[in-house]
């Protein structure tokens, strides 16, 4: 069974959060509309390494632009690492393509919304062995919302595959879809606004290596 509980987040998370850039240029510039007709609030194909995301490399992990994508590599067991573009939104629809580049299938990766600070935010995660969940970090404590443990879905492409992850944070309603299949909707009102972001993590085995691309935030 998938184990979700983790020990206290390591210092690298604080480091990455504190080094987030404060401005947006290049690939991170907002545009007027997207393919669906919704207003694009922020988008990034990570072709411009100055578009506002962290660029950090340590022994514990990496958050950095790499070969036209954004890489999160976690080289320590039982750790989550994330990055944010230093923005703030209320209700959003978020999409991203996430590809496992290496490491164990027993991992987690996905999208963050309503990020207040390193200890308070929502997360939407899947794994390379087919699990998914919606959760939150409140005062530094992680917990799933609406479930005791992560569930499985055949919609999640396993192994070294690309998954298209879609998230909605609208009012108190939080939804997760993968590859066009709706997986879960929960209700929670702890956070009403905040930054967006990307996340990847490990369990017992280090080495989670995820490449993210085509990150788009639109009005719901």
N, C-alpha and C. Protein backbone atom coordinates (compact mmCIF):
# COMPACT_ATOMS: atom_id res chain seq x y z
N UNK A 1 0.84 -1.20 0.00
CA UNK A 1 0.00 0.00 0.00
C UNK A 1 0.88 1.25 0.00
N UNK A 2 0.42 2.23 -0.70
CA UNK A 2 1.16 3.48 -0.77
C UNK A 2 1.21 4.14 0.60
N UNK A 3 2.39 4.51 1.05
CA UNK A 3 2.54 5.22 2.32
C UNK A 3 2.63 6.70 2.04
N UNK A 4 1.78 7.48 2.70
CA UNK A 4 1.79 8.90 2.43
C UNK A 4 2.51 9.70 3.49
N UNK A 5 2.37 9.33 4.74
CA UNK A 5 2.94 10.14 5.83
C UNK A 5 4.44 10.29 5.66
N UNK A 6 4.93 11.50 5.94
CA UNK A 6 6.35 11.79 5.83
C UNK A 6 6.83 12.48 7.09
N UNK A 7 8.13 12.39 7.37
CA UNK A 7 8.68 13.15 8.49
C UNK A 7 8.70 14.64 8.16
N UNK A 8 9.16 15.44 9.10
CA UNK A 8 9.22 16.89 8.89
C UNK A 8 10.01 17.22 7.64
N UNK A 9 9.57 18.21 6.90
CA UNK A 9 10.24 18.60 5.66
C UNK A 9 11.66 19.07 5.95
N UNK A 10 12.57 18.69 5.07
CA UNK A 10 13.98 19.02 5.27
C UNK A 10 14.25 20.48 4.91
N UNK A 11 15.44 20.94 5.29
CA UNK A 11 15.78 22.36 5.13
C UNK A 11 15.85 22.80 3.69
N UNK A 12 16.08 21.87 2.76
CA UNK A 12 16.17 22.27 1.35
C UNK A 12 14.88 22.94 0.90
N UNK A 13 13.74 22.51 1.44
CA UNK A 13 12.47 23.11 1.05
C UNK A 13 12.43 24.59 1.42
N UNK A 14 12.89 24.92 2.61
CA UNK A 14 12.95 26.31 3.04
C UNK A 14 13.90 27.09 2.15
N UNK A 15 15.04 26.49 1.83
CA UNK A 15 16.02 27.15 0.97
C UNK A 15 15.44 27.46 -0.39
N UNK A 16 14.78 26.48 -1.01
CA UNK A 16 14.23 26.70 -2.33
C UNK A 16 13.15 27.77 -2.31
N UNK A 17 12.33 27.75 -1.26
CA UNK A 17 11.28 28.74 -1.17
C UNK A 17 11.84 30.14 -1.02
N UNK A 18 12.90 30.28 -0.24
CA UNK A 18 13.45 31.60 0.04
C UNK A 18 14.17 32.19 -1.16
N UNK A 19 14.59 31.33 -2.11
CA UNK A 19 15.34 31.81 -3.26
C UNK A 19 14.46 32.06 -4.47
N UNK A 20 13.16 31.95 -4.32
CA UNK A 20 12.27 32.18 -5.46
C UNK A 20 12.42 33.59 -5.98
N UNK A 21 12.42 33.72 -7.31
CA UNK A 21 12.56 35.05 -7.92
C UNK A 21 11.26 35.83 -7.76
N UNK A 22 11.35 37.15 -7.84
CA UNK A 22 10.20 38.01 -7.60
C UNK A 22 9.65 38.64 -8.87
N UNK A 23 10.28 38.44 -10.02
CA UNK A 23 9.80 39.08 -11.24
C UNK A 23 9.55 38.05 -12.31
N UNK A 24 8.79 38.45 -13.33
CA UNK A 24 8.46 37.58 -14.44
C UNK A 24 8.92 38.21 -15.74
N UNK A 25 9.62 37.42 -16.55
CA UNK A 25 10.01 37.88 -17.88
C UNK A 25 9.93 36.70 -18.82
N UNK A 26 10.09 36.95 -20.12
CA UNK A 26 10.21 35.88 -21.10
C UNK A 26 9.04 34.92 -21.06
N UNK A 27 9.35 33.59 -20.93
CA UNK A 27 8.35 32.54 -20.99
C UNK A 27 7.30 32.66 -19.92
N UNK A 28 7.53 33.42 -18.87
CA UNK A 28 6.55 33.52 -17.80
C UNK A 28 5.58 34.67 -17.97
N UNK A 29 5.65 35.39 -19.06
CA UNK A 29 4.78 36.55 -19.23
C UNK A 29 3.34 36.13 -19.43
N UNK A 30 2.39 36.80 -18.78
CA UNK A 30 0.97 36.49 -18.99
C UNK A 30 0.56 36.85 -20.41
N UNK A 31 -0.51 36.21 -20.88
CA UNK A 31 -1.05 36.53 -22.20
C UNK A 31 -2.56 36.69 -22.09
N UNK A 32 -3.19 37.08 -23.16
CA UNK A 32 -4.58 37.47 -23.09
C UNK A 32 -5.55 36.31 -23.12
N UNK A 33 -5.19 35.19 -23.74
CA UNK A 33 -6.14 34.10 -23.83
C UNK A 33 -5.47 32.81 -24.21
N UNK A 34 -6.13 31.68 -23.95
CA UNK A 34 -5.57 30.37 -24.26
C UNK A 34 -6.40 29.67 -25.30
N UNK A 35 -6.00 28.41 -25.59
CA UNK A 35 -6.65 27.64 -26.63
C UNK A 35 -8.12 27.40 -26.28
N UNK A 36 -8.44 27.27 -25.01
CA UNK A 36 -9.81 27.00 -24.59
C UNK A 36 -10.66 28.26 -24.55
N UNK A 37 -10.05 29.42 -24.73
CA UNK A 37 -10.78 30.67 -24.66
C UNK A 37 -10.76 31.30 -23.29
N UNK A 38 -10.28 30.58 -22.28
CA UNK A 38 -10.19 31.15 -20.94
C UNK A 38 -9.04 32.14 -20.86
N UNK A 39 -9.15 33.08 -19.96
CA UNK A 39 -8.09 34.07 -19.78
C UNK A 39 -6.86 33.41 -19.17
N UNK A 40 -5.73 33.55 -19.84
CA UNK A 40 -4.48 33.01 -19.33
C UNK A 40 -3.90 33.99 -18.33
N UNK A 41 -3.72 33.55 -17.10
CA UNK A 41 -3.17 34.38 -16.05
C UNK A 41 -1.65 34.27 -15.98
N UNK A 42 -1.13 33.11 -16.34
CA UNK A 42 0.32 32.87 -16.34
C UNK A 42 0.58 31.60 -17.13
N UNK A 43 1.65 31.62 -17.91
CA UNK A 43 2.04 30.40 -18.62
C UNK A 43 3.55 30.37 -18.80
N UNK A 44 4.10 29.16 -18.87
CA UNK A 44 5.54 29.03 -19.02
C UNK A 44 5.86 27.70 -19.69
N UNK A 45 6.61 27.78 -20.79
CA UNK A 45 7.11 26.56 -21.42
C UNK A 45 8.57 26.30 -21.03
N UNK A 46 9.08 27.11 -20.12
CA UNK A 46 10.41 26.95 -19.54
C UNK A 46 11.54 27.06 -20.55
N UNK A 47 11.27 27.73 -21.66
CA UNK A 47 12.32 27.98 -22.65
C UNK A 47 13.20 29.15 -22.25
N UNK A 48 12.71 29.99 -21.33
CA UNK A 48 13.45 31.14 -20.84
C UNK A 48 13.80 30.91 -19.38
N UNK A 49 15.07 30.78 -19.08
CA UNK A 49 15.51 30.49 -17.72
C UNK A 49 15.40 31.68 -16.77
N UNK A 50 14.91 32.81 -17.28
CA UNK A 50 14.69 33.98 -16.44
C UNK A 50 13.20 34.24 -16.20
N UNK A 51 12.38 33.21 -16.32
CA UNK A 51 10.93 33.42 -16.24
C UNK A 51 10.38 33.41 -14.82
N UNK A 52 11.25 33.31 -13.80
CA UNK A 52 10.79 33.54 -12.44
C UNK A 52 10.82 32.37 -11.48
N UNK A 53 11.24 31.19 -11.92
CA UNK A 53 11.27 30.03 -11.05
C UNK A 53 12.64 29.87 -10.39
N UNK A 54 12.69 29.04 -9.33
CA UNK A 54 13.94 28.78 -8.63
C UNK A 54 14.98 28.17 -9.55
N UNK A 55 16.23 28.46 -9.28
CA UNK A 55 17.36 27.82 -9.96
C UNK A 55 18.37 27.44 -8.90
N UNK A 56 18.16 26.26 -8.30
CA UNK A 56 18.93 25.83 -7.14
C UNK A 56 19.44 24.40 -7.35
N UNK A 57 20.70 24.18 -7.03
CA UNK A 57 21.29 22.84 -7.10
C UNK A 57 22.08 22.58 -5.83
N UNK A 58 21.69 21.55 -5.09
CA UNK A 58 22.40 21.15 -3.88
C UNK A 58 22.58 19.64 -3.90
N UNK A 59 23.26 19.09 -2.89
CA UNK A 59 23.42 17.65 -2.78
C UNK A 59 22.08 16.96 -2.55
N UNK A 60 21.14 17.66 -1.93
CA UNK A 60 19.84 17.07 -1.63
C UNK A 60 18.88 17.07 -2.82
N UNK A 61 19.09 17.98 -3.76
CA UNK A 61 18.17 18.03 -4.87
C UNK A 61 18.38 19.22 -5.78
N UNK A 62 17.54 19.28 -6.81
CA UNK A 62 17.65 20.31 -7.84
C UNK A 62 16.26 20.84 -8.17
N UNK A 63 16.14 22.16 -8.29
CA UNK A 63 15.01 22.78 -8.96
C UNK A 63 15.60 23.78 -9.94
N UNK A 64 15.46 23.49 -11.24
CA UNK A 64 16.15 24.32 -12.22
C UNK A 64 15.60 24.06 -13.62
N UNK A 65 15.81 25.04 -14.49
CA UNK A 65 15.50 24.88 -15.91
C UNK A 65 16.48 23.90 -16.53
N UNK A 66 15.98 23.03 -17.41
CA UNK A 66 16.88 22.08 -18.06
C UNK A 66 16.28 21.61 -19.38
N UNK A 67 16.99 21.89 -20.48
CA UNK A 67 16.62 21.42 -21.81
C UNK A 67 15.17 21.75 -22.18
N UNK A 68 14.76 22.99 -21.93
CA UNK A 68 13.43 23.42 -22.31
C UNK A 68 12.32 22.92 -21.41
N UNK A 69 12.67 22.43 -20.23
CA UNK A 69 11.69 21.98 -19.26
C UNK A 69 12.11 22.49 -17.89
N UNK A 70 11.31 22.17 -16.87
CA UNK A 70 11.68 22.52 -15.50
C UNK A 70 11.86 21.23 -14.73
N UNK A 71 13.05 21.08 -14.15
CA UNK A 71 13.41 19.82 -13.49
C UNK A 71 13.34 19.94 -11.98
N UNK A 72 12.69 18.96 -11.35
CA UNK A 72 12.78 18.80 -9.90
C UNK A 72 13.36 17.41 -9.64
N UNK A 73 14.53 17.39 -9.05
CA UNK A 73 15.24 16.15 -8.72
C UNK A 73 15.41 16.10 -7.20
N UNK A 74 15.01 14.98 -6.61
CA UNK A 74 15.06 14.84 -5.15
C UNK A 74 16.01 13.70 -4.82
N UNK A 75 17.13 14.04 -4.21
CA UNK A 75 18.21 13.07 -3.99
C UNK A 75 18.27 12.61 -2.53
N UNK A 76 17.20 12.83 -1.78
CA UNK A 76 17.12 12.42 -0.38
C UNK A 76 15.80 11.68 -0.17
N UNK A 77 15.82 10.63 0.65
CA UNK A 77 14.57 9.89 0.86
C UNK A 77 13.61 10.68 1.75
N UNK A 78 12.33 10.35 1.62
CA UNK A 78 11.26 10.96 2.42
C UNK A 78 11.32 12.48 2.44
N UNK A 79 11.39 13.06 1.26
CA UNK A 79 11.46 14.51 1.13
C UNK A 79 10.60 14.99 -0.03
N UNK A 80 9.93 16.12 0.16
CA UNK A 80 9.24 16.83 -0.90
C UNK A 80 10.01 18.11 -1.21
N UNK A 81 10.15 18.41 -2.48
CA UNK A 81 10.81 19.64 -2.92
C UNK A 81 9.87 20.33 -3.91
N UNK A 82 9.76 21.65 -3.82
CA UNK A 82 8.89 22.36 -4.75
C UNK A 82 9.49 23.68 -5.16
N UNK A 83 8.81 24.30 -6.14
CA UNK A 83 9.24 25.61 -6.65
C UNK A 83 7.99 26.42 -7.00
N UNK A 84 8.12 27.74 -6.89
CA UNK A 84 7.02 28.65 -7.16
C UNK A 84 7.51 29.84 -7.98
N UNK A 85 6.62 30.44 -8.80
CA UNK A 85 7.01 31.63 -9.57
C UNK A 85 6.77 32.95 -8.86
N UNK A 86 6.40 32.92 -7.60
CA UNK A 86 6.18 34.13 -6.79
C UNK A 86 5.06 35.00 -7.36
N UNK A 87 3.86 34.41 -7.40
CA UNK A 87 2.66 35.09 -7.86
C UNK A 87 1.57 34.90 -6.82
N UNK A 88 0.40 35.43 -7.08
CA UNK A 88 -0.72 35.22 -6.17
C UNK A 88 -2.02 35.22 -6.96
N UNK A 89 -2.86 34.21 -6.70
CA UNK A 89 -4.14 34.05 -7.37
C UNK A 89 -5.20 33.64 -6.34
N UNK A 90 -6.46 33.73 -6.75
CA UNK A 90 -7.55 33.17 -5.93
C UNK A 90 -8.04 31.89 -6.62
N UNK A 91 -9.02 32.00 -7.52
CA UNK A 91 -9.54 30.83 -8.22
C UNK A 91 -8.76 30.61 -9.51
N UNK A 92 -8.30 29.36 -9.73
CA UNK A 92 -7.47 29.05 -10.90
C UNK A 92 -7.75 27.66 -11.43
N UNK A 93 -7.46 27.50 -12.72
CA UNK A 93 -7.38 26.22 -13.40
C UNK A 93 -5.93 26.08 -13.84
N UNK A 94 -5.26 24.98 -13.48
CA UNK A 94 -3.83 24.81 -13.74
C UNK A 94 -3.61 23.51 -14.51
N UNK A 95 -2.72 23.56 -15.51
CA UNK A 95 -2.35 22.36 -16.26
C UNK A 95 -0.84 22.29 -16.42
N UNK A 96 -0.31 21.06 -16.47
CA UNK A 96 1.11 20.87 -16.73
C UNK A 96 1.34 19.47 -17.27
N UNK A 97 2.38 19.31 -18.07
CA UNK A 97 2.85 17.99 -18.50
C UNK A 97 4.01 17.60 -17.60
N UNK A 98 3.96 16.40 -17.04
CA UNK A 98 5.00 15.93 -16.13
C UNK A 98 5.53 14.58 -16.61
N UNK A 99 6.85 14.50 -16.78
CA UNK A 99 7.49 13.29 -17.29
C UNK A 99 8.49 12.77 -16.28
N UNK A 100 8.42 11.49 -15.97
CA UNK A 100 9.42 10.88 -15.10
C UNK A 100 10.69 10.66 -15.91
N UNK A 101 11.78 11.35 -15.50
CA UNK A 101 13.06 11.22 -16.19
C UNK A 101 13.95 10.17 -15.55
N UNK A 102 13.67 9.81 -14.28
CA UNK A 102 14.50 8.83 -13.60
C UNK A 102 14.03 8.61 -12.18
N UNK A 103 14.65 7.63 -11.53
CA UNK A 103 14.32 7.35 -10.14
C UNK A 103 13.24 6.30 -10.00
N UNK A 104 12.81 6.06 -8.78
CA UNK A 104 11.82 5.01 -8.51
C UNK A 104 10.42 5.40 -8.97
N UNK A 105 9.59 4.38 -9.25
CA UNK A 105 8.18 4.64 -9.54
C UNK A 105 7.42 5.01 -8.28
N UNK A 106 7.93 4.61 -7.14
CA UNK A 106 7.33 4.95 -5.85
C UNK A 106 7.75 6.38 -5.49
N UNK A 107 7.04 7.33 -6.09
CA UNK A 107 7.39 8.75 -5.95
C UNK A 107 6.12 9.56 -5.79
N UNK A 108 6.21 10.85 -5.81
CA UNK A 108 5.04 11.70 -5.97
C UNK A 108 5.45 12.98 -6.68
N UNK A 109 4.52 13.54 -7.46
CA UNK A 109 4.79 14.78 -8.17
C UNK A 109 3.47 15.40 -8.61
N UNK A 110 3.50 16.72 -8.78
CA UNK A 110 2.27 17.37 -9.20
C UNK A 110 2.29 18.87 -9.05
N UNK A 111 1.14 19.42 -8.69
CA UNK A 111 0.87 20.86 -8.75
C UNK A 111 0.53 21.38 -7.36
N UNK A 112 0.92 22.61 -7.10
CA UNK A 112 0.57 23.33 -5.88
C UNK A 112 -0.35 24.50 -6.23
N UNK A 113 -1.33 24.77 -5.36
CA UNK A 113 -2.10 26.01 -5.48
C UNK A 113 -2.29 26.62 -4.10
N UNK A 114 -2.60 27.92 -4.09
CA UNK A 114 -2.85 28.69 -2.86
C UNK A 114 -1.72 28.52 -1.84
N UNK A 115 -0.53 28.64 -2.36
CA UNK A 115 0.68 28.56 -1.53
C UNK A 115 0.84 29.86 -0.75
N UNK A 116 0.73 29.76 0.57
CA UNK A 116 0.89 30.94 1.44
C UNK A 116 2.34 31.11 1.85
N UNK A 117 2.94 30.00 2.28
CA UNK A 117 4.34 29.98 2.69
C UNK A 117 4.77 28.52 2.76
N UNK A 118 5.99 28.27 3.21
CA UNK A 118 6.54 26.93 3.20
C UNK A 118 5.72 25.95 4.03
N UNK A 119 4.90 26.43 4.93
CA UNK A 119 4.14 25.57 5.84
C UNK A 119 2.65 25.48 5.53
N UNK A 120 2.17 26.20 4.50
CA UNK A 120 0.73 26.28 4.27
C UNK A 120 0.40 26.35 2.78
N UNK A 121 -0.21 25.28 2.24
CA UNK A 121 -0.58 25.26 0.83
C UNK A 121 -1.35 23.97 0.51
N UNK A 122 -2.00 23.95 -0.66
CA UNK A 122 -2.64 22.75 -1.19
C UNK A 122 -1.71 22.08 -2.19
N UNK A 123 -1.77 20.74 -2.26
CA UNK A 123 -1.01 20.01 -3.27
C UNK A 123 -1.87 18.91 -3.91
N UNK A 124 -1.58 18.63 -5.17
CA UNK A 124 -2.30 17.65 -5.99
C UNK A 124 -1.23 16.75 -6.60
N UNK A 125 -1.19 15.49 -6.20
CA UNK A 125 -0.06 14.64 -6.58
C UNK A 125 -0.51 13.33 -7.21
N UNK A 126 0.37 12.83 -8.09
CA UNK A 126 0.25 11.47 -8.61
C UNK A 126 1.60 10.80 -8.43
N UNK A 127 1.66 9.52 -8.76
CA UNK A 127 2.93 8.80 -8.67
C UNK A 127 3.13 7.96 -9.92
N UNK A 128 4.36 7.56 -10.15
CA UNK A 128 4.69 6.76 -11.34
C UNK A 128 4.29 5.30 -11.20
N UNK A 129 3.70 4.93 -10.05
CA UNK A 129 3.11 3.60 -9.93
C UNK A 129 1.59 3.68 -9.81
N UNK A 130 1.00 4.82 -10.23
CA UNK A 130 -0.43 4.89 -10.44
C UNK A 130 -1.28 5.42 -9.32
N UNK A 131 -0.69 6.05 -8.31
CA UNK A 131 -1.46 6.58 -7.18
C UNK A 131 -1.73 8.08 -7.36
N UNK A 132 -2.75 8.57 -6.64
CA UNK A 132 -3.07 9.99 -6.67
C UNK A 132 -3.67 10.43 -5.35
N UNK A 133 -3.64 11.75 -5.10
CA UNK A 133 -4.25 12.29 -3.91
C UNK A 133 -4.27 13.80 -3.94
N UNK A 134 -5.18 14.38 -3.17
CA UNK A 134 -5.25 15.82 -2.94
C UNK A 134 -4.99 16.04 -1.46
N UNK A 135 -4.12 16.99 -1.14
CA UNK A 135 -3.80 17.21 0.26
C UNK A 135 -3.46 18.65 0.55
N UNK A 136 -3.09 18.89 1.79
CA UNK A 136 -2.70 20.23 2.20
C UNK A 136 -1.61 20.14 3.26
N UNK A 137 -0.81 21.18 3.31
CA UNK A 137 0.14 21.35 4.40
C UNK A 137 -0.34 22.53 5.23
N UNK A 138 -0.60 22.29 6.50
CA UNK A 138 -1.10 23.32 7.42
C UNK A 138 -0.16 23.39 8.61
N UNK A 139 0.44 24.55 8.80
CA UNK A 139 1.42 24.73 9.88
C UNK A 139 2.50 23.67 9.83
N UNK A 140 2.91 23.30 8.60
CA UNK A 140 4.00 22.36 8.41
C UNK A 140 3.61 20.90 8.46
N UNK A 141 2.33 20.59 8.72
CA UNK A 141 1.87 19.21 8.81
C UNK A 141 1.12 18.83 7.53
N UNK A 142 1.55 17.75 6.87
CA UNK A 142 0.91 17.29 5.65
C UNK A 142 -0.25 16.36 5.98
N UNK A 143 -1.32 16.46 5.18
CA UNK A 143 -2.44 15.54 5.32
C UNK A 143 -3.21 15.47 4.02
N UNK A 144 -3.77 14.30 3.74
CA UNK A 144 -4.66 14.15 2.61
C UNK A 144 -6.02 14.73 2.96
N UNK A 145 -6.76 15.15 1.94
CA UNK A 145 -8.11 15.67 2.12
C UNK A 145 -9.09 14.67 1.51
N UNK A 146 -10.08 14.28 2.29
CA UNK A 146 -11.13 13.42 1.77
C UNK A 146 -10.77 11.97 1.61
N UNK A 147 -9.63 11.54 2.14
CA UNK A 147 -9.22 10.14 2.02
C UNK A 147 -8.21 9.82 3.09
N UNK A 148 -8.18 8.56 3.50
CA UNK A 148 -7.21 8.12 4.49
C UNK A 148 -5.86 7.82 3.85
N UNK A 149 -5.88 7.43 2.57
CA UNK A 149 -4.64 7.11 1.86
C UNK A 149 -4.82 7.41 0.39
N UNK A 150 -3.75 7.43 -0.35
CA UNK A 150 -3.80 7.67 -1.78
C UNK A 150 -4.47 6.49 -2.49
N UNK A 151 -5.23 6.79 -3.54
CA UNK A 151 -5.94 5.77 -4.32
C UNK A 151 -5.21 5.55 -5.64
N UNK A 152 -5.66 4.57 -6.42
CA UNK A 152 -5.03 4.27 -7.70
C UNK A 152 -5.99 4.53 -8.85
N UNK A 153 -5.43 4.76 -10.03
CA UNK A 153 -6.23 4.96 -11.24
C UNK A 153 -5.46 4.47 -12.45
N UNK A 154 -6.17 3.78 -13.35
CA UNK A 154 -5.57 3.33 -14.61
C UNK A 154 -5.31 4.50 -15.55
N UNK A 155 -5.89 5.67 -15.25
CA UNK A 155 -5.67 6.84 -16.11
C UNK A 155 -4.25 7.38 -15.99
N UNK A 156 -3.56 7.04 -14.91
CA UNK A 156 -2.19 7.52 -14.70
C UNK A 156 -1.22 6.61 -15.45
N UNK A 157 -0.44 7.20 -16.32
CA UNK A 157 0.57 6.44 -17.07
C UNK A 157 1.77 6.16 -16.17
N UNK A 158 2.12 4.90 -16.04
CA UNK A 158 3.14 4.51 -15.10
C UNK A 158 4.53 4.46 -15.73
N UNK A 159 5.53 4.35 -14.87
CA UNK A 159 6.91 4.27 -15.34
C UNK A 159 7.39 5.59 -15.92
N UNK A 160 8.32 5.51 -16.86
CA UNK A 160 8.93 6.70 -17.48
C UNK A 160 7.99 7.25 -18.55
N UNK A 161 6.88 7.81 -18.11
CA UNK A 161 5.86 8.29 -19.03
C UNK A 161 5.53 9.74 -18.74
N UNK A 162 4.83 10.37 -19.68
CA UNK A 162 4.35 11.74 -19.48
C UNK A 162 2.88 11.70 -19.11
N UNK A 163 2.52 12.46 -18.07
CA UNK A 163 1.13 12.60 -17.65
C UNK A 163 0.73 14.07 -17.72
N UNK A 164 -0.46 14.31 -18.23
CA UNK A 164 -1.01 15.67 -18.26
C UNK A 164 -1.88 15.84 -17.03
N UNK A 165 -1.44 16.71 -16.11
CA UNK A 165 -2.12 16.91 -14.84
C UNK A 165 -2.92 18.21 -14.89
N UNK A 166 -4.18 18.14 -14.45
CA UNK A 166 -5.07 19.29 -14.45
C UNK A 166 -5.66 19.47 -13.06
N UNK A 167 -5.65 20.71 -12.58
CA UNK A 167 -6.09 21.02 -11.23
C UNK A 167 -7.04 22.22 -11.28
N UNK A 168 -8.08 22.18 -10.46
CA UNK A 168 -8.97 23.32 -10.28
C UNK A 168 -9.02 23.68 -8.80
N UNK A 169 -8.77 24.94 -8.50
CA UNK A 169 -8.94 25.50 -7.16
C UNK A 169 -9.95 26.62 -7.29
N UNK A 170 -11.21 26.33 -7.00
CA UNK A 170 -12.29 27.28 -7.20
C UNK A 170 -13.14 27.34 -5.94
N UNK A 171 -13.10 28.46 -5.25
CA UNK A 171 -13.79 28.55 -3.98
C UNK A 171 -13.20 27.52 -3.02
N UNK A 172 -14.07 26.74 -2.41
CA UNK A 172 -13.61 25.67 -1.52
C UNK A 172 -13.49 24.33 -2.22
N UNK A 173 -13.71 24.31 -3.54
CA UNK A 173 -13.69 23.06 -4.30
C UNK A 173 -12.33 22.85 -4.95
N UNK A 174 -11.73 21.68 -4.70
CA UNK A 174 -10.42 21.32 -5.23
C UNK A 174 -10.56 20.05 -6.05
N UNK A 175 -10.12 20.09 -7.32
CA UNK A 175 -10.30 18.94 -8.21
C UNK A 175 -9.01 18.56 -8.90
N UNK A 176 -8.86 17.27 -9.16
CA UNK A 176 -7.68 16.73 -9.84
C UNK A 176 -8.12 15.83 -10.98
N UNK A 177 -7.54 16.07 -12.17
CA UNK A 177 -7.74 15.21 -13.32
C UNK A 177 -6.38 14.86 -13.91
N UNK A 178 -6.28 13.70 -14.54
CA UNK A 178 -5.03 13.28 -15.18
C UNK A 178 -5.36 12.68 -16.55
N UNK A 179 -4.69 13.17 -17.57
CA UNK A 179 -4.86 12.68 -18.94
C UNK A 179 -6.33 12.70 -19.36
N UNK A 180 -7.05 13.74 -18.95
CA UNK A 180 -8.44 13.92 -19.34
C UNK A 180 -9.45 13.17 -18.50
N UNK A 181 -8.99 12.43 -17.49
CA UNK A 181 -9.89 11.67 -16.62
C UNK A 181 -9.97 12.32 -15.24
N UNK A 182 -11.19 12.63 -14.81
CA UNK A 182 -11.36 13.20 -13.48
C UNK A 182 -11.10 12.13 -12.43
N UNK A 183 -10.27 12.46 -11.43
CA UNK A 183 -9.90 11.50 -10.41
C UNK A 183 -10.52 11.79 -9.05
N UNK A 184 -10.59 13.07 -8.67
CA UNK A 184 -11.04 13.36 -7.31
C UNK A 184 -11.46 14.82 -7.20
N UNK A 185 -12.50 15.06 -6.40
CA UNK A 185 -12.91 16.41 -6.00
C UNK A 185 -13.15 16.40 -4.50
N UNK A 186 -12.60 17.39 -3.82
CA UNK A 186 -12.77 17.50 -2.37
C UNK A 186 -13.15 18.94 -2.04
N UNK A 187 -13.60 19.14 -0.82
CA UNK A 187 -13.95 20.46 -0.33
C UNK A 187 -13.05 20.83 0.85
N UNK A 188 -12.50 22.03 0.81
CA UNK A 188 -11.68 22.52 1.91
C UNK A 188 -11.59 24.04 1.80
N UNK A 189 -11.69 24.74 2.91
CA UNK A 189 -11.73 26.21 2.89
C UNK A 189 -10.59 26.85 3.67
N UNK A 190 -9.54 26.10 3.96
CA UNK A 190 -8.44 26.66 4.76
C UNK A 190 -7.71 27.79 4.06
N UNK A 191 -7.50 27.67 2.73
CA UNK A 191 -6.74 28.68 1.99
C UNK A 191 -7.60 29.20 0.84
N UNK A 192 -7.64 30.52 0.68
CA UNK A 192 -8.46 31.12 -0.38
C UNK A 192 -7.64 31.73 -1.51
N UNK A 193 -6.34 31.94 -1.29
CA UNK A 193 -5.50 32.54 -2.32
C UNK A 193 -4.04 32.20 -2.04
N UNK A 194 -3.19 32.46 -3.03
CA UNK A 194 -1.77 32.22 -2.86
C UNK A 194 -1.09 31.89 -4.18
N UNK A 195 0.15 31.49 -4.09
CA UNK A 195 0.97 31.19 -5.26
C UNK A 195 0.61 29.82 -5.83
N UNK A 196 1.08 29.57 -7.04
CA UNK A 196 1.01 28.26 -7.65
C UNK A 196 2.40 27.64 -7.62
N UNK A 197 2.52 26.39 -8.04
CA UNK A 197 3.85 25.79 -8.04
C UNK A 197 3.86 24.35 -8.52
N UNK A 198 5.06 23.79 -8.50
CA UNK A 198 5.30 22.40 -8.89
C UNK A 198 6.01 21.68 -7.76
N UNK A 199 5.75 20.39 -7.64
CA UNK A 199 6.28 19.62 -6.51
C UNK A 199 6.68 18.23 -6.95
N UNK A 200 7.73 17.69 -6.34
CA UNK A 200 8.09 16.28 -6.51
C UNK A 200 8.70 15.77 -5.21
N UNK A 201 8.57 14.47 -4.97
CA UNK A 201 9.06 13.93 -3.71
C UNK A 201 9.41 12.47 -3.77
N UNK A 202 10.04 12.03 -2.69
CA UNK A 202 10.48 10.64 -2.56
C UNK A 202 9.81 9.99 -1.35
N UNK A 203 9.90 8.68 -1.32
CA UNK A 203 9.53 7.90 -0.15
C UNK A 203 10.82 7.23 0.36
N UNK A 204 10.85 5.91 0.43
CA UNK A 204 12.02 5.24 1.01
C UNK A 204 13.26 5.30 0.13
N UNK A 205 13.06 5.47 -1.17
CA UNK A 205 14.18 5.47 -2.11
C UNK A 205 14.37 6.86 -2.73
N UNK A 206 15.58 7.42 -2.67
CA UNK A 206 15.82 8.72 -3.29
C UNK A 206 15.92 8.61 -4.80
N UNK A 207 16.00 9.76 -5.47
CA UNK A 207 16.25 9.78 -6.90
C UNK A 207 15.10 10.19 -7.78
N UNK A 208 13.98 10.61 -7.20
CA UNK A 208 12.86 11.09 -8.02
C UNK A 208 13.33 12.22 -8.93
N UNK A 209 13.07 12.08 -10.21
CA UNK A 209 13.55 13.05 -11.21
C UNK A 209 12.41 13.32 -12.19
N UNK A 210 11.81 14.50 -12.09
CA UNK A 210 10.62 14.84 -12.88
C UNK A 210 10.90 16.08 -13.72
N UNK A 211 10.51 16.02 -14.99
CA UNK A 211 10.58 17.16 -15.89
C UNK A 211 9.17 17.68 -16.15
N UNK A 212 8.97 18.98 -15.92
CA UNK A 212 7.67 19.62 -16.12
C UNK A 212 7.73 20.54 -17.35
N UNK A 213 6.63 20.60 -18.08
CA UNK A 213 6.57 21.48 -19.26
C UNK A 213 5.13 21.94 -19.47
N UNK A 214 5.01 23.03 -20.23
CA UNK A 214 3.70 23.56 -20.64
C UNK A 214 2.81 23.85 -19.43
N UNK A 215 3.34 24.64 -18.52
CA UNK A 215 2.61 25.03 -17.32
C UNK A 215 1.71 26.22 -17.66
N UNK A 216 0.41 26.06 -17.40
CA UNK A 216 -0.55 27.10 -17.77
C UNK A 216 -1.54 27.31 -16.61
N UNK A 217 -1.73 28.58 -16.24
CA UNK A 217 -2.72 28.95 -15.25
C UNK A 217 -3.76 29.82 -15.94
N UNK A 218 -5.03 29.41 -15.88
CA UNK A 218 -6.10 30.19 -16.49
C UNK A 218 -7.18 30.49 -15.46
N UNK A 219 -8.01 31.45 -15.78
CA UNK A 219 -9.19 31.71 -14.97
C UNK A 219 -10.17 30.58 -15.17
N UNK A 220 -10.80 30.09 -14.10
CA UNK A 220 -11.72 28.95 -14.23
C UNK A 220 -13.01 29.32 -14.97
